[in-house]
Amino acid sequence: MTKIRKNGLKIIRSKVKLLLTVCEALKEAQSPIDKPIFTHL
């Protein structure tokens, strides 16, 4: 049970990190120069 829980926490943490990086990218993409690059990703 503990192993599954630890793996679940790892997955949640990685998803949170991904969300944070996406949010940061969106914030940076507010400038018109970064927008075309961001849409390509």
PDB file of N, CA and C in Angstrom:
ATOM      1  N   MET A   1       0.834  -1.215   0.000  1.00  0.00           N
ATOM      2  CA  MET A   1       0.000   0.000   0.000  1.00  0.00           C
ATOM      3  C   MET A   1       0.873   1.271   0.000  1.00  0.00           C
ATOM      4  N   THR A   2       1.925   1.272   0.807  1.00  0.00           N
ATOM      5  CA  THR A   2       2.761   2.470   0.900  1.00  0.00           C
ATOM      6  C   THR A   2       3.474   2.754  -0.420  1.00  0.00           C
ATOM      7  N   LYS A   3       3.893   1.699  -1.130  1.00  0.00           N
ATOM      8  CA  LYS A   3       4.584   1.890  -2.413  1.00  0.00           C
ATOM      9  C   LYS A   3       3.666   2.575  -3.419  1.00  0.00           C
ATOM     10  N   ILE A   4       2.427   2.116  -3.478  1.00  0.00           N
ATOM     11  CA  ILE A   4       1.456   2.702  -4.406  1.00  0.00           C
ATOM     12  C   ILE A   4       1.224   4.172  -4.052  1.00  0.00           C
ATOM     13  N   ARG A   5       1.126   4.448  -2.777  1.00  0.00           N
ATOM     14  CA  ARG A   5       0.891   5.818  -2.321  1.00  0.00           C
ATOM     15  C   ARG A   5       2.053   6.727  -2.723  1.00  0.00           C
ATOM     16  N   LYS A   6       3.280   6.241  -2.529  1.00  0.00           N
ATOM     17  CA  LYS A   6       4.466   7.030  -2.870  1.00  0.00           C
ATOM     18  C   LYS A   6       4.502   7.309  -4.370  1.00  0.00           C
ATOM     19  N   ASN A   7       4.180   6.293  -5.169  1.00  0.00           N
ATOM     20  CA  ASN A   7       4.152   6.478  -6.620  1.00  0.00           C
ATOM     21  C   ASN A   7       3.080   7.493  -7.011  1.00  0.00           C
ATOM     22  N   GLY A   8       1.938   7.419  -6.365  1.00  0.00           N
ATOM     23  CA  GLY A   8       0.850   8.353  -6.635  1.00  0.00           C
ATOM     24  C   GLY A   8       1.262   9.784  -6.330  1.00  0.00           C
ATOM     25  N   LEU A   9       1.971   9.965  -5.217  1.00  0.00           N
ATOM     26  CA  LEU A   9       2.451  11.301  -4.846  1.00  0.00           C
ATOM     27  C   LEU A   9       3.456  11.809  -5.870  1.00  0.00           C
ATOM     28  N   LYS A  10       4.317  10.903  -6.361  1.00  0.00           N
ATOM     29  CA  LYS A  10       5.299  11.292  -7.377  1.00  0.00           C
ATOM     30  C   LYS A  10       4.595  11.766  -8.636  1.00  0.00           C
ATOM     31  N   ILE A  11       3.562  11.047  -9.053  1.00  0.00           N
ATOM     32  CA  ILE A  11       2.808  11.404 -10.252  1.00  0.00           C
ATOM     33  C   ILE A  11       2.129  12.762 -10.069  1.00  0.00           C
ATOM     34  N   ILE A  12       1.516  12.952  -8.892  1.00  0.00           N
ATOM     35  CA  ILE A  12       0.828  14.217  -8.602  1.00  0.00           C
ATOM     36  C   ILE A  12       1.832  15.373  -8.616  1.00  0.00           C
ATOM     37  N   ARG A  13       2.987  15.148  -8.017  1.00  0.00           N
ATOM     38  CA  ARG A  13       4.008  16.195  -7.961  1.00  0.00           C
ATOM     39  C   ARG A  13       4.490  16.562  -9.355  1.00  0.00           C
ATOM     40  N   SER A  14       4.705  15.554 -10.200  1.00  0.00           N
ATOM     41  CA  SER A  14       5.171  15.827 -11.559  1.00  0.00           C
ATOM     42  C   SER A  14       4.103  16.578 -12.353  1.00  0.00           C
ATOM     43  N   LYS A  15       2.823  16.223 -12.111  1.00  0.00           N
ATOM     44  CA  LYS A  15       1.727  16.911 -12.796  1.00  0.00           C
ATOM     45  C   LYS A  15       1.639  18.364 -12.350  1.00  0.00           C
ATOM     46  N   VAL A  16       1.837  18.605 -11.051  1.00  0.00           N
ATOM     47  CA  VAL A  16       1.815  19.974 -10.519  1.00  0.00           C
ATOM     48  C   VAL A  16       2.965  20.774 -11.124  1.00  0.00           C
ATOM     49  N   LYS A  17       4.138  20.144 -11.211  1.00  0.00           N
ATOM     50  CA  LYS A  17       5.300  20.815 -11.804  1.00  0.00           C
ATOM     51  C   LYS A  17       5.010  21.175 -13.251  1.00  0.00           C
ATOM     52  N   LEU A  18       4.381  20.247 -13.964  1.00  0.00           N
ATOM     53  CA  LEU A  18       4.035  20.480 -15.369  1.00  0.00           C
ATOM     54  C   LEU A  18       3.068  21.655 -15.492  1.00  0.00           C
ATOM     55  N   LEU A  19       2.060  21.670 -14.622  1.00  0.00           N
ATOM     56  CA  LEU A  19       1.083  22.771 -14.631  1.00  0.00           C
ATOM     57  C   LEU A  19       1.763  24.112 -14.360  1.00  0.00           C
ATOM     58  N   LEU A  20       2.682  24.111 -13.403  1.00  0.00           N
ATOM     59  CA  LEU A  20       3.386  25.352 -13.060  1.00  0.00           C
ATOM     60  C   LEU A  20       4.229  25.842 -14.227  1.00  0.00           C
ATOM     61  N   THR A  21       4.911  24.925 -14.912  1.00  0.00           N
ATOM     62  CA  THR A  21       5.738  25.318 -16.049  1.00  0.00           C
ATOM     63  C   THR A  21       4.877  25.847 -17.190  1.00  0.00           C
ATOM     64  N   VAL A  22       3.693  25.221 -17.381  1.00  0.00           N
ATOM     65  CA  VAL A  22       2.766  25.681 -18.413  1.00  0.00           C
ATOM     66  C   VAL A  22       2.268  27.085 -18.076  1.00  0.00           C
ATOM     67  N   CYS A  23       1.943  27.309 -16.810  1.00  0.00           N
ATOM     68  CA  CYS A  23       1.473  28.629 -16.365  1.00  0.00           C
ATOM     69  C   CYS A  23       2.558  29.683 -16.581  1.00  0.00           C
ATOM     70  N   GLU A  24       3.792  29.323 -16.255  1.00  0.00           N
ATOM     71  CA  GLU A  24       4.909  30.256 -16.444  1.00  0.00           C
ATOM     72  C   GLU A  24       5.093  30.566 -17.923  1.00  0.00           C
ATOM     73  N   ALA A  25       4.975  29.545 -18.762  1.00  0.00           N
ATOM     74  CA  ALA A  25       5.109  29.730 -20.210  1.00  0.00           C
ATOM     75  C   ALA A  25       4.007  30.643 -20.736  1.00  0.00           C
ATOM     76  N   LEU A  26       2.795  30.451 -20.209  1.00  0.00           N
ATOM     77  CA  LEU A  26       1.669  31.294 -20.630  1.00  0.00           C
ATOM     78  C   LEU A  26       1.898  32.745 -20.209  1.00  0.00           C
ATOM     79  N   LYS A  27       2.432  32.945 -19.017  1.00  0.00           N
ATOM     80  CA  LYS A  27       2.718  34.291 -18.535  1.00  0.00           C
ATOM     81  C   LYS A  27       3.753  34.964 -19.441  1.00  0.00           C
ATOM     82  N   GLU A  28       4.776  34.210 -19.801  1.00  0.00           N
ATOM     83  CA  GLU A  28       5.833  34.743 -20.660  1.00  0.00           C
ATOM     84  C   GLU A  28       5.311  34.975 -22.077  1.00  0.00           C
ATOM     85  N   ALA A  29       4.332  34.156 -22.476  1.00  0.00           N
ATOM     86  CA  ALA A  29       3.782  34.265 -23.831  1.00  0.00           C
ATOM     87  C   ALA A  29       2.886  35.495 -23.999  1.00  0.00           C
ATOM     88  N   GLN A  30       2.671  36.232 -22.921  1.00  0.00           N
ATOM     89  CA  GLN A  30       1.846  37.437 -23.012  1.00  0.00           C
ATOM     90  C   GLN A  30       2.504  38.468 -23.924  1.00  0.00           C
ATOM     91  N   SER A  31       3.833  38.439 -23.995  1.00  0.00           N
ATOM     92  CA  SER A  31       4.525  39.364 -24.901  1.00  0.00           C
ATOM     93  C   SER A  31       4.345  38.869 -26.339  1.00  0.00           C
ATOM     94  N   PRO A  32       4.086  39.773 -27.287  1.00  0.00           N
ATOM     95  CA  PRO A  32       3.753  39.379 -28.664  1.00  0.00           C
ATOM     96  C   PRO A  32       4.858  38.600 -29.373  1.00  0.00           C
ATOM     97  N   ILE A  33       6.102  38.792 -28.947  1.00  0.00           N
ATOM     98  CA  ILE A  33       7.217  38.105 -29.618  1.00  0.00           C
ATOM     99  C   ILE A  33       7.172  36.609 -29.302  1.00  0.00           C
ATOM    100  N   ASP A  34       6.841  36.254 -28.071  1.00  0.00           N
ATOM    101  CA  ASP A  34       6.861  34.857 -27.640  1.00  0.00           C
ATOM    102  C   ASP A  34       5.644  34.076 -28.109  1.00  0.00           C
ATOM    103  N   LYS A  35       4.560  34.771 -28.446  1.00  0.00           N
ATOM    104  CA  LYS A  35       3.318  34.076 -28.786  1.00  0.00           C
ATOM    105  C   LYS A  35       3.463  33.118 -29.975  1.00  0.00           C
ATOM    106  N   PRO A  36       4.048  33.519 -31.109  1.00  0.00           N
ATOM    107  CA  PRO A  36       4.178  32.584 -32.228  1.00  0.00           C
ATOM    108  C   PRO A  36       5.013  31.354 -31.882  1.00  0.00           C
ATOM    109  N   ILE A  37       6.050  31.541 -31.063  1.00  0.00           N
ATOM    110  CA  ILE A  37       6.883  30.409 -30.649  1.00  0.00           C
ATOM    111  C   ILE A  37       6.062  29.458 -29.784  1.00  0.00           C
ATOM    112  N   PHE A  38       5.261  30.035 -28.895  1.00  0.00           N
ATOM    113  CA  PHE A  38       4.468  29.236 -27.960  1.00  0.00           C
ATOM    114  C   PHE A  38       3.421  28.397 -28.688  1.00  0.00           C
ATOM    115  N   THR A  39       2.824  28.950 -29.748  1.00  0.00           N
ATOM    116  CA  THR A  39       1.785  28.221 -30.472  1.00  0.00           C
ATOM    117  C   THR A  39       2.395  27.035 -31.217  1.00  0.00           C
ATOM    118  N   HIS A  40       3.671  27.133 -31.605  1.00  0.00           N
ATOM    119  CA  HIS A  40       4.333  26.025 -32.288  1.00  0.00           C
ATOM    120  C   HIS A  40       4.532  24.841 -31.357  1.00  0.00           C
ATOM    121  N   LEU A  41       4.698  25.124 -30.055  1.00  0.00           N
ATOM    122  CA  LEU A  41       4.850  24.064 -29.066  1.00  0.00           C
ATOM    123  C   LEU A  41       3.486  23.474 -28.777  1.00  0.00           C
TER     124      LEU A  41
END
